[in-house]
Amino acid sequence: MTGTWIALLLVASLVWAWLDALRAREQAIRHGRALCREAGVQLLDQTVSLHRLRVARRDGLPALVRRYAFEVSLDGSDRHRGHLDLGGHRLEAWSLPLPADAALAAEPAAPARLTRHG
């Protein structure tokens, strides 16, 4: 009987972890869209993926910090990398290329980046 309860608890834990990961990815896509809209670049939705997962202290307690990497387009025909960090389900840091600075840069392969680390 105890083995059945342990198995059910394990399955429930795996389902919870999977749903939490899906919810975090959806939040990353929402935050990415908002950040890209503000920066004037296009988020390529299908490129959002978990890049790194680590445990860090937030308010004295351990929390998962997920880094999602994605690609953006400045003019519809190029691709540049960006990322954002979610601490728990809160946006903590991000990095995006800037289209206005990219047009002024001498090297189009190296656009300026908007970065916030909190």
N, C-alpha and C. Protein backbone atom coordinates (compact mmCIF):
# COMPACT_ATOMS: atom_id res chain seq x y z
N MET A 1 0.82 -1.19 0.00
CA MET A 1 0.00 0.00 0.00
C MET A 1 0.86 1.26 0.00
N THR A 2 1.93 1.27 0.78
CA THR A 2 2.82 2.42 0.83
C THR A 2 3.48 2.65 -0.52
N GLY A 3 3.84 1.58 -1.20
CA GLY A 3 4.45 1.70 -2.52
C GLY A 3 3.53 2.38 -3.53
N THR A 4 2.26 2.12 -3.44
CA THR A 4 1.28 2.75 -4.33
C THR A 4 1.21 4.25 -4.07
N TRP A 5 1.19 4.64 -2.80
CA TRP A 5 1.16 6.06 -2.46
C TRP A 5 2.42 6.78 -2.91
N ILE A 6 3.55 6.14 -2.77
CA ILE A 6 4.81 6.75 -3.21
C ILE A 6 4.80 6.92 -4.72
N ALA A 7 4.31 5.91 -5.44
CA ALA A 7 4.23 6.00 -6.90
C ALA A 7 3.28 7.12 -7.33
N LEU A 8 2.14 7.23 -6.66
CA LEU A 8 1.19 8.30 -6.98
C LEU A 8 1.78 9.68 -6.68
N LEU A 9 2.49 9.80 -5.58
CA LEU A 9 3.13 11.06 -5.23
C LEU A 9 4.20 11.42 -6.25
N LEU A 10 4.95 10.45 -6.70
CA LEU A 10 5.98 10.69 -7.72
C LEU A 10 5.35 11.14 -9.03
N VAL A 11 4.30 10.48 -9.47
CA VAL A 11 3.61 10.87 -10.70
C VAL A 11 3.03 12.28 -10.56
N ALA A 12 2.41 12.57 -9.43
CA ALA A 12 1.84 13.90 -9.20
C ALA A 12 2.94 14.97 -9.21
N SER A 13 4.09 14.68 -8.64
CA SER A 13 5.21 15.62 -8.64
C SER A 13 5.72 15.87 -10.05
N LEU A 14 5.81 14.83 -10.85
CA LEU A 14 6.26 14.99 -12.23
C LEU A 14 5.26 15.81 -13.06
N VAL A 15 3.98 15.57 -12.86
CA VAL A 15 2.96 16.34 -13.57
C VAL A 15 3.03 17.80 -13.15
N TRP A 16 3.18 18.07 -11.86
CA TRP A 16 3.29 19.44 -11.38
C TRP A 16 4.51 20.13 -11.99
N ALA A 17 5.66 19.45 -12.01
CA ALA A 17 6.88 20.04 -12.56
C ALA A 17 6.71 20.35 -14.05
N TRP A 18 6.07 19.43 -14.77
CA TRP A 18 5.85 19.63 -16.20
C TRP A 18 4.92 20.82 -16.45
N LEU A 19 3.82 20.92 -15.70
CA LEU A 19 2.89 22.03 -15.85
C LEU A 19 3.55 23.36 -15.47
N ASP A 20 4.38 23.35 -14.43
CA ASP A 20 5.09 24.55 -14.01
C ASP A 20 6.05 25.01 -15.10
N ALA A 21 6.73 24.07 -15.75
CA ALA A 21 7.65 24.41 -16.84
C ALA A 21 6.88 25.00 -18.03
N LEU A 22 5.73 24.44 -18.35
CA LEU A 22 4.91 24.98 -19.44
C LEU A 22 4.42 26.39 -19.12
N ARG A 23 3.99 26.58 -17.88
CA ARG A 23 3.51 27.90 -17.45
C ARG A 23 4.65 28.93 -17.51
N ALA A 24 5.85 28.53 -17.10
CA ALA A 24 7.00 29.45 -17.14
C ALA A 24 7.36 29.81 -18.58
N ARG A 25 7.29 28.85 -19.50
CA ARG A 25 7.59 29.13 -20.91
C ARG A 25 6.56 30.09 -21.49
N GLU A 26 5.30 29.90 -21.15
CA GLU A 26 4.26 30.82 -21.62
C GLU A 26 4.51 32.24 -21.08
N GLN A 27 4.94 32.33 -19.83
CA GLN A 27 5.26 33.65 -19.28
C GLN A 27 6.46 34.25 -19.98
N ALA A 28 7.46 33.42 -20.30
CA ALA A 28 8.63 33.91 -21.01
C ALA A 28 8.23 34.45 -22.38
N ILE A 29 7.32 33.78 -23.06
CA ILE A 29 6.85 34.26 -24.36
C ILE A 29 6.12 35.59 -24.19
N ARG A 30 5.26 35.71 -23.18
CA ARG A 30 4.53 36.96 -22.94
C ARG A 30 5.49 38.11 -22.62
N HIS A 31 6.44 37.85 -21.72
CA HIS A 31 7.42 38.88 -21.38
C HIS A 31 8.26 39.24 -22.61
N GLY A 32 8.67 38.23 -23.37
CA GLY A 32 9.46 38.47 -24.57
C GLY A 32 8.72 39.32 -25.58
N ARG A 33 7.44 39.05 -25.78
CA ARG A 33 6.63 39.86 -26.71
C ARG A 33 6.56 41.31 -26.24
N ALA A 34 6.32 41.50 -24.95
CA ALA A 34 6.22 42.87 -24.41
C ALA A 34 7.56 43.61 -24.54
N LEU A 35 8.65 42.94 -24.20
CA LEU A 35 9.96 43.58 -24.31
C LEU A 35 10.30 43.91 -25.76
N CYS A 36 9.99 43.00 -26.67
CA CYS A 36 10.28 43.24 -28.09
C CYS A 36 9.41 44.37 -28.65
N ARG A 37 8.16 44.44 -28.22
CA ARG A 37 7.28 45.51 -28.66
C ARG A 37 7.85 46.86 -28.21
N GLU A 38 8.31 46.93 -26.95
CA GLU A 38 8.89 48.18 -26.43
C GLU A 38 10.19 48.54 -27.14
N ALA A 39 10.98 47.53 -27.53
CA ALA A 39 12.26 47.78 -28.18
C ALA A 39 12.12 47.96 -29.69
N GLY A 40 10.95 47.66 -30.25
CA GLY A 40 10.74 47.83 -31.67
C GLY A 40 11.34 46.73 -32.52
N VAL A 41 11.41 45.52 -31.97
CA VAL A 41 11.92 44.37 -32.72
C VAL A 41 10.84 43.29 -32.74
N GLN A 42 11.00 42.32 -33.62
CA GLN A 42 10.01 41.24 -33.75
C GLN A 42 10.52 39.98 -33.07
N LEU A 43 9.74 39.45 -32.14
CA LEU A 43 10.07 38.19 -31.48
C LEU A 43 9.69 37.04 -32.41
N LEU A 44 10.62 36.14 -32.62
CA LEU A 44 10.35 34.94 -33.39
C LEU A 44 9.91 33.87 -32.39
N ASP A 45 8.58 33.72 -32.20
CA ASP A 45 7.98 32.91 -31.14
C ASP A 45 8.51 31.49 -31.06
N GLN A 46 8.67 30.85 -32.18
CA GLN A 46 9.05 29.44 -32.17
C GLN A 46 10.48 29.21 -31.71
N THR A 47 11.24 30.28 -31.46
CA THR A 47 12.63 30.12 -31.04
C THR A 47 12.80 30.20 -29.53
N VAL A 48 11.74 30.47 -28.77
CA VAL A 48 11.85 30.60 -27.31
C VAL A 48 12.09 29.22 -26.71
N SER A 49 13.22 29.08 -26.02
CA SER A 49 13.54 27.78 -25.42
C SER A 49 14.32 27.98 -24.12
N LEU A 50 14.16 27.02 -23.23
CA LEU A 50 14.90 27.05 -21.96
C LEU A 50 16.37 26.83 -22.25
N HIS A 51 17.17 27.78 -21.82
CA HIS A 51 18.61 27.72 -22.09
C HIS A 51 19.40 27.27 -20.85
N ARG A 52 18.94 27.71 -19.67
CA ARG A 52 19.66 27.37 -18.44
C ARG A 52 18.66 27.33 -17.28
N LEU A 53 18.91 26.43 -16.36
CA LEU A 53 18.08 26.30 -15.16
C LEU A 53 19.02 26.21 -13.97
N ARG A 54 18.79 27.08 -12.99
CA ARG A 54 19.65 27.05 -11.80
C ARG A 54 18.83 27.40 -10.57
N VAL A 55 19.38 27.13 -9.41
CA VAL A 55 18.74 27.46 -8.15
C VAL A 55 19.49 28.64 -7.55
N ALA A 56 18.75 29.66 -7.13
CA ALA A 56 19.34 30.84 -6.51
C ALA A 56 18.47 31.25 -5.33
N ARG A 57 19.02 32.08 -4.47
CA ARG A 57 18.26 32.56 -3.31
C ARG A 57 17.51 33.82 -3.67
N ARG A 58 16.23 33.84 -3.37
CA ARG A 58 15.37 35.00 -3.54
C ARG A 58 14.63 35.20 -2.23
N ASP A 59 14.84 36.34 -1.61
CA ASP A 59 14.22 36.64 -0.31
C ASP A 59 14.56 35.58 0.73
N GLY A 60 15.78 35.06 0.68
CA GLY A 60 16.24 34.08 1.65
C GLY A 60 15.80 32.66 1.39
N LEU A 61 15.04 32.43 0.34
CA LEU A 61 14.55 31.09 0.03
C LEU A 61 15.07 30.63 -1.33
N PRO A 62 15.27 29.34 -1.50
CA PRO A 62 15.71 28.87 -2.82
C PRO A 62 14.59 29.01 -3.85
N ALA A 63 14.98 29.43 -5.06
CA ALA A 63 14.01 29.58 -6.15
C ALA A 63 14.68 29.18 -7.45
N LEU A 64 13.89 28.67 -8.38
CA LEU A 64 14.40 28.33 -9.70
C LEU A 64 14.56 29.60 -10.52
N VAL A 65 15.70 29.73 -11.18
CA VAL A 65 15.92 30.82 -12.12
C VAL A 65 16.11 30.18 -13.48
N ARG A 66 15.20 30.51 -14.40
CA ARG A 66 15.24 29.94 -15.74
C ARG A 66 15.68 31.02 -16.71
N ARG A 67 16.63 30.68 -17.59
CA ARG A 67 17.02 31.59 -18.66
C ARG A 67 16.43 31.05 -19.95
N TYR A 68 15.64 31.88 -20.60
CA TYR A 68 15.06 31.53 -21.89
C TYR A 68 15.78 32.32 -22.97
N ALA A 69 16.29 31.61 -23.96
CA ALA A 69 16.93 32.23 -25.10
C ALA A 69 15.91 32.27 -26.24
N PHE A 70 16.01 33.29 -27.08
CA PHE A 70 15.11 33.42 -28.22
C PHE A 70 15.80 34.24 -29.29
N GLU A 71 15.18 34.29 -30.43
CA GLU A 71 15.70 35.09 -31.53
C GLU A 71 14.71 36.19 -31.87
N VAL A 72 15.25 37.31 -32.30
CA VAL A 72 14.44 38.44 -32.71
C VAL A 72 14.92 38.89 -34.09
N SER A 73 14.06 39.62 -34.76
CA SER A 73 14.39 40.16 -36.07
C SER A 73 14.25 41.67 -36.00
N LEU A 74 15.25 42.36 -36.51
CA LEU A 74 15.20 43.82 -36.52
C LEU A 74 14.42 44.35 -37.72
N ASP A 75 14.54 43.67 -38.87
CA ASP A 75 13.88 44.15 -40.08
C ASP A 75 13.09 43.07 -40.82
N GLY A 76 12.92 41.91 -40.22
CA GLY A 76 12.15 40.85 -40.85
C GLY A 76 12.98 39.86 -41.66
N SER A 77 14.23 40.18 -41.91
CA SER A 77 15.05 39.27 -42.71
C SER A 77 16.33 38.85 -41.99
N ASP A 78 16.51 39.28 -40.77
CA ASP A 78 17.71 38.92 -40.02
C ASP A 78 17.32 38.24 -38.71
N ARG A 79 18.31 37.70 -38.02
CA ARG A 79 18.08 37.05 -36.72
C ARG A 79 19.18 37.47 -35.76
N HIS A 80 18.74 37.81 -34.55
CA HIS A 80 19.67 38.16 -33.48
C HIS A 80 19.20 37.47 -32.21
N ARG A 81 20.13 37.17 -31.32
CA ARG A 81 19.82 36.46 -30.09
C ARG A 81 19.46 37.43 -28.98
N GLY A 82 18.55 36.98 -28.14
CA GLY A 82 18.18 37.69 -26.94
C GLY A 82 17.92 36.67 -25.85
N HIS A 83 17.78 37.13 -24.64
CA HIS A 83 17.43 36.22 -23.56
C HIS A 83 16.70 36.98 -22.46
N LEU A 84 16.02 36.22 -21.62
CA LEU A 84 15.42 36.79 -20.43
C LEU A 84 15.49 35.76 -19.31
N ASP A 85 15.57 36.26 -18.09
CA ASP A 85 15.66 35.41 -16.91
C ASP A 85 14.38 35.55 -16.09
N LEU A 86 13.81 34.41 -15.72
CA LEU A 86 12.65 34.38 -14.84
C LEU A 86 13.08 33.79 -13.51
N GLY A 87 12.89 34.54 -12.43
CA GLY A 87 13.14 34.04 -11.09
C GLY A 87 11.82 33.63 -10.50
N GLY A 88 11.59 32.33 -10.40
CA GLY A 88 10.26 31.85 -10.08
C GLY A 88 9.41 32.10 -11.32
N HIS A 89 8.46 33.01 -11.23
CA HIS A 89 7.70 33.43 -12.41
C HIS A 89 7.79 34.93 -12.61
N ARG A 90 8.84 35.56 -12.05
CA ARG A 90 9.03 37.01 -12.14
C ARG A 90 10.18 37.33 -13.09
N LEU A 91 9.98 38.29 -13.98
CA LEU A 91 11.03 38.73 -14.89
C LEU A 91 12.11 39.43 -14.10
N GLU A 92 13.36 38.96 -14.24
CA GLU A 92 14.45 39.55 -13.47
C GLU A 92 15.47 40.29 -14.34
N ALA A 93 15.78 39.75 -15.51
CA ALA A 93 16.79 40.37 -16.36
C ALA A 93 16.51 40.00 -17.81
N TRP A 94 17.03 40.84 -18.73
CA TRP A 94 16.87 40.53 -20.14
C TRP A 94 17.95 41.21 -20.95
N SER A 95 18.08 40.78 -22.19
CA SER A 95 19.03 41.36 -23.13
C SER A 95 18.43 41.25 -24.52
N LEU A 96 18.35 42.39 -25.23
CA LEU A 96 17.78 42.45 -26.58
C LEU A 96 18.64 43.35 -27.45
N PRO A 97 18.67 43.11 -28.76
CA PRO A 97 19.31 44.07 -29.67
C PRO A 97 18.39 45.28 -29.87
N LEU A 98 18.96 46.42 -30.13
CA LEU A 98 18.18 47.64 -30.36
C LEU A 98 18.20 48.00 -31.84
N PRO A 99 17.06 48.20 -32.48
CA PRO A 99 17.06 48.49 -33.90
C PRO A 99 17.63 49.86 -34.26
N ALA A 100 17.36 50.90 -33.47
CA ALA A 100 17.85 52.24 -33.79
C ALA A 100 19.38 52.28 -33.72
N ASP A 101 19.95 51.67 -32.68
CA ASP A 101 21.40 51.64 -32.54
C ASP A 101 22.03 50.73 -33.59
N ALA A 102 21.33 49.69 -33.99
CA ALA A 102 21.86 48.78 -35.00
C ALA A 102 22.02 49.48 -36.33
N ALA A 103 21.09 50.40 -36.67
CA ALA A 103 21.18 51.13 -37.92
C ALA A 103 22.36 52.10 -37.92
N LEU A 104 22.72 52.61 -36.74
CA LEU A 104 23.84 53.54 -36.63
C LEU A 104 25.19 52.83 -36.52
N ALA A 105 25.17 51.57 -36.15
CA ALA A 105 26.42 50.83 -35.94
C ALA A 105 27.10 50.58 -37.29
N ALA A 106 28.41 50.61 -37.27
CA ALA A 106 29.18 50.36 -38.50
C ALA A 106 29.09 48.90 -38.91
N GLU A 107 28.98 47.99 -37.95
CA GLU A 107 28.90 46.56 -38.20
C GLU A 107 27.46 46.10 -38.02
N PRO A 108 26.72 45.75 -39.09
CA PRO A 108 25.35 45.29 -38.91
C PRO A 108 25.26 43.94 -38.21
N ALA A 109 26.33 43.18 -38.18
CA ALA A 109 26.31 41.88 -37.51
C ALA A 109 26.40 42.02 -36.00
N ALA A 110 26.72 43.21 -35.52
CA ALA A 110 26.88 43.41 -34.08
C ALA A 110 26.03 44.59 -33.61
N PRO A 111 24.70 44.43 -33.56
CA PRO A 111 23.85 45.54 -33.11
C PRO A 111 24.05 45.83 -31.63
N ALA A 112 23.70 47.04 -31.26
CA ALA A 112 23.76 47.40 -29.84
C ALA A 112 22.75 46.56 -29.09
N ARG A 113 22.98 46.39 -27.78
CA ARG A 113 22.08 45.55 -27.00
C ARG A 113 21.50 46.33 -25.84
N LEU A 114 20.23 46.08 -25.61
CA LEU A 114 19.55 46.62 -24.44
C LEU A 114 19.60 45.55 -23.38
N THR A 115 20.19 45.87 -22.25
CA THR A 115 20.36 44.88 -21.20
C THR A 115 19.89 45.44 -19.87
N ARG A 116 19.18 44.62 -19.13
CA ARG A 116 18.80 44.98 -17.77
C ARG A 116 19.09 43.78 -16.89
N HIS A 117 19.80 44.03 -15.84
CA HIS A 117 20.06 43.00 -14.84
C HIS A 117 19.57 43.54 -13.52
N GLY A 118 18.72 42.77 -12.85
CA GLY A 118 18.12 43.27 -11.62
C GLY A 118 18.64 42.57 -10.50
